[in-house]
Amino acid sequence: MEEELVRKAAEVIRREMDTWIGIVVHCMGGIGRTSTVLGGVLRDLGVRADDVVKNYLDRINRFRGARGWPEVK
């Protein structure tokens, strides 16, 4: 069931990306659902699974313990 929900969420995001509107993806629990869904989107866009995982882990290590909002350039 969860796999089907992730696939459906990724499909909605990919479809909305084609409209060039802003997309916000978040979950309330902070347990990785956002990363799971966006990882599925990246895979569907052709990014290798190993690269998706490496990028995720690099960012977790970079921001772990950071306070406040991340800077936006």
N, C-alpha and C. Protein backbone atom coordinates (compact mmCIF):
# COMPACT_ATOMS: atom_id res chain seq x y z
N MET A 1 0.82 -1.20 0.00
CA MET A 1 0.00 0.00 0.00
C MET A 1 0.86 1.26 0.00
N GLU A 2 1.88 1.33 0.86
CA GLU A 2 2.72 2.52 0.93
C GLU A 2 3.44 2.76 -0.38
N GLU A 3 3.91 1.69 -1.01
CA GLU A 3 4.61 1.84 -2.29
C GLU A 3 3.68 2.47 -3.33
N GLU A 4 2.44 2.03 -3.36
CA GLU A 4 1.47 2.58 -4.30
C GLU A 4 1.23 4.07 -4.04
N LEU A 5 1.13 4.45 -2.77
CA LEU A 5 0.92 5.86 -2.42
C LEU A 5 2.12 6.71 -2.84
N VAL A 6 3.33 6.20 -2.63
CA VAL A 6 4.53 6.94 -3.04
C VAL A 6 4.55 7.12 -4.55
N ARG A 7 4.23 6.07 -5.27
CA ARG A 7 4.20 6.15 -6.74
C ARG A 7 3.16 7.17 -7.22
N LYS A 8 1.99 7.16 -6.60
CA LYS A 8 0.94 8.11 -6.98
C LYS A 8 1.35 9.54 -6.66
N ALA A 9 1.96 9.75 -5.50
CA ALA A 9 2.42 11.09 -5.14
C ALA A 9 3.49 11.57 -6.11
N ALA A 10 4.43 10.70 -6.46
CA ALA A 10 5.48 11.06 -7.42
C ALA A 10 4.87 11.40 -8.78
N GLU A 11 3.86 10.67 -9.17
CA GLU A 11 3.19 10.93 -10.46
C GLU A 11 2.53 12.31 -10.46
N VAL A 12 1.86 12.66 -9.37
CA VAL A 12 1.23 13.98 -9.27
C VAL A 12 2.28 15.08 -9.35
N ILE A 13 3.38 14.90 -8.64
CA ILE A 13 4.44 15.91 -8.65
C ILE A 13 5.02 16.07 -10.05
N ARG A 14 5.31 14.96 -10.73
CA ARG A 14 5.86 15.04 -12.09
C ARG A 14 4.89 15.75 -13.03
N ARG A 15 3.62 15.46 -12.89
CA ARG A 15 2.61 16.10 -13.74
C ARG A 15 2.57 17.61 -13.47
N GLU A 16 2.63 18.00 -12.21
CA GLU A 16 2.61 19.42 -11.87
C GLU A 16 3.90 20.12 -12.31
N MET A 17 5.01 19.40 -12.33
CA MET A 17 6.27 20.00 -12.79
C MET A 17 6.14 20.47 -14.23
N ASP A 18 5.36 19.78 -15.02
CA ASP A 18 5.16 20.16 -16.42
C ASP A 18 4.42 21.48 -16.57
N THR A 19 3.72 21.93 -15.53
CA THR A 19 2.97 23.18 -15.60
C THR A 19 3.82 24.37 -15.20
N TRP A 20 5.01 24.13 -14.69
CA TRP A 20 5.95 25.17 -14.25
C TRP A 20 5.40 26.02 -13.12
N ILE A 21 4.56 25.43 -12.26
CA ILE A 21 4.11 26.13 -11.06
C ILE A 21 4.99 25.68 -9.91
N GLY A 22 4.96 26.40 -8.82
CA GLY A 22 5.73 26.00 -7.66
C GLY A 22 5.13 24.77 -7.00
N ILE A 23 5.98 23.94 -6.45
CA ILE A 23 5.53 22.72 -5.78
C ILE A 23 6.19 22.69 -4.40
N VAL A 24 5.40 22.42 -3.38
CA VAL A 24 5.92 22.26 -2.03
C VAL A 24 5.55 20.85 -1.58
N VAL A 25 6.54 20.12 -1.08
CA VAL A 25 6.32 18.76 -0.59
C VAL A 25 6.82 18.71 0.85
N HIS A 26 5.98 18.28 1.75
CA HIS A 26 6.39 18.16 3.15
C HIS A 26 5.54 17.12 3.85
N CYS A 27 6.03 16.67 4.99
CA CYS A 27 5.21 15.83 5.86
C CYS A 27 5.30 16.41 7.26
N MET A 28 4.38 16.06 8.09
CA MET A 28 4.34 16.64 9.43
C MET A 28 5.23 15.92 10.42
N GLY A 29 5.54 14.67 10.16
CA GLY A 29 6.24 13.89 11.16
C GLY A 29 7.75 13.97 11.12
N GLY A 30 8.31 14.37 9.98
CA GLY A 30 9.76 14.44 9.88
C GLY A 30 10.43 13.08 9.93
N ILE A 31 9.77 12.07 9.33
CA ILE A 31 10.34 10.72 9.39
C ILE A 31 10.77 10.20 8.03
N GLY A 32 10.88 11.09 7.04
CA GLY A 32 11.43 10.68 5.77
C GLY A 32 10.46 10.49 4.62
N ARG A 33 9.19 10.76 4.85
CA ARG A 33 8.23 10.56 3.75
C ARG A 33 8.48 11.52 2.60
N THR A 34 8.81 12.76 2.91
CA THR A 34 9.10 13.74 1.86
C THR A 34 10.26 13.26 1.01
N SER A 35 11.32 12.84 1.65
CA SER A 35 12.50 12.36 0.92
C SER A 35 12.18 11.12 0.10
N THR A 36 11.34 10.27 0.62
CA THR A 36 10.96 9.05 -0.11
C THR A 36 10.21 9.41 -1.39
N VAL A 37 9.25 10.31 -1.28
CA VAL A 37 8.48 10.71 -2.46
C VAL A 37 9.37 11.42 -3.47
N LEU A 38 10.18 12.37 -3.02
CA LEU A 38 11.03 13.11 -3.95
C LEU A 38 12.13 12.22 -4.53
N GLY A 39 12.58 11.24 -3.77
CA GLY A 39 13.52 10.25 -4.32
C GLY A 39 12.88 9.47 -5.45
N GLY A 40 11.59 9.14 -5.30
CA GLY A 40 10.86 8.47 -6.38
C GLY A 40 10.74 9.34 -7.61
N VAL A 41 10.52 10.63 -7.41
CA VAL A 41 10.45 11.56 -8.54
C VAL A 41 11.80 11.59 -9.27
N LEU A 42 12.87 11.71 -8.50
CA LEU A 42 14.21 11.75 -9.12
C LEU A 42 14.50 10.47 -9.90
N ARG A 43 14.13 9.34 -9.34
CA ARG A 43 14.33 8.06 -10.05
C ARG A 43 13.55 8.06 -11.36
N ASP A 44 12.32 8.52 -11.31
CA ASP A 44 11.50 8.56 -12.51
C ASP A 44 12.07 9.52 -13.55
N LEU A 45 12.82 10.51 -13.10
CA LEU A 45 13.45 11.46 -14.02
C LEU A 45 14.79 10.96 -14.54
N GLY A 46 15.19 9.75 -14.11
CA GLY A 46 16.39 9.14 -14.65
C GLY A 46 17.62 9.20 -13.76
N VAL A 47 17.48 9.72 -12.54
CA VAL A 47 18.62 9.75 -11.63
C VAL A 47 18.81 8.35 -11.05
N ARG A 48 20.06 7.88 -11.04
CA ARG A 48 20.34 6.54 -10.52
C ARG A 48 20.00 6.45 -9.04
N ALA A 49 19.50 5.31 -8.62
CA ALA A 49 19.11 5.11 -7.21
C ALA A 49 20.28 5.37 -6.27
N ASP A 50 21.48 4.91 -6.62
CA ASP A 50 22.65 5.14 -5.77
C ASP A 50 22.91 6.63 -5.58
N ASP A 51 22.73 7.42 -6.64
CA ASP A 51 22.94 8.86 -6.56
C ASP A 51 21.87 9.54 -5.71
N VAL A 52 20.64 9.05 -5.81
CA VAL A 52 19.56 9.60 -4.98
C VAL A 52 19.89 9.38 -3.50
N VAL A 53 20.28 8.17 -3.15
CA VAL A 53 20.59 7.84 -1.75
C VAL A 53 21.80 8.63 -1.27
N LYS A 54 22.85 8.70 -2.07
CA LYS A 54 24.07 9.43 -1.68
C LYS A 54 23.74 10.90 -1.43
N ASN A 55 22.98 11.51 -2.33
CA ASN A 55 22.61 12.91 -2.18
C ASN A 55 21.81 13.12 -0.90
N TYR A 56 20.87 12.23 -0.63
CA TYR A 56 20.04 12.32 0.58
C TYR A 56 20.91 12.23 1.83
N LEU A 57 21.79 11.25 1.87
CA LEU A 57 22.64 11.08 3.06
C LEU A 57 23.60 12.25 3.23
N ASP A 58 24.13 12.77 2.13
CA ASP A 58 25.01 13.94 2.22
C ASP A 58 24.28 15.13 2.83
N ARG A 59 23.05 15.34 2.41
CA ARG A 59 22.28 16.47 2.93
C ARG A 59 21.87 16.26 4.39
N ILE A 60 21.51 15.05 4.74
CA ILE A 60 21.17 14.77 6.15
C ILE A 60 22.37 15.09 7.03
N ASN A 61 23.55 14.63 6.64
CA ASN A 61 24.75 14.90 7.44
C ASN A 61 25.08 16.38 7.48
N ARG A 62 24.83 17.08 6.39
CA ARG A 62 25.14 18.51 6.31
C ARG A 62 24.22 19.32 7.22
N PHE A 63 22.93 18.99 7.24
CA PHE A 63 21.97 19.81 7.97
C PHE A 63 21.62 19.28 9.36
N ARG A 64 22.10 18.12 9.70
CA ARG A 64 21.80 17.57 11.03
C ARG A 64 22.32 18.53 12.10
N GLY A 65 21.48 18.91 12.98
CA GLY A 65 21.88 19.82 14.04
C GLY A 65 21.77 21.29 13.67
N ALA A 66 21.45 21.60 12.41
CA ALA A 66 21.29 22.99 12.00
C ALA A 66 20.02 23.55 12.61
N ARG A 67 20.04 24.81 12.95
CA ARG A 67 18.88 25.46 13.54
C ARG A 67 18.25 26.43 12.54
N GLY A 68 16.96 26.64 12.66
CA GLY A 68 16.28 27.64 11.85
C GLY A 68 16.02 27.19 10.43
N TRP A 69 15.77 28.14 9.58
CA TRP A 69 15.44 27.87 8.18
C TRP A 69 16.70 27.82 7.35
N PRO A 70 16.75 26.92 6.38
CA PRO A 70 17.90 26.91 5.47
C PRO A 70 17.90 28.18 4.63
N GLU A 71 19.07 28.67 4.30
CA GLU A 71 19.19 29.87 3.48
C GLU A 71 18.73 29.58 2.07
N VAL A 72 18.09 30.54 1.47
CA VAL A 72 17.64 30.42 0.09
C VAL A 72 18.41 31.43 -0.74
N LYS A 73 19.01 30.96 -1.82
CA LYS A 73 19.78 31.87 -2.68
C LYS A 73 18.90 32.45 -3.74
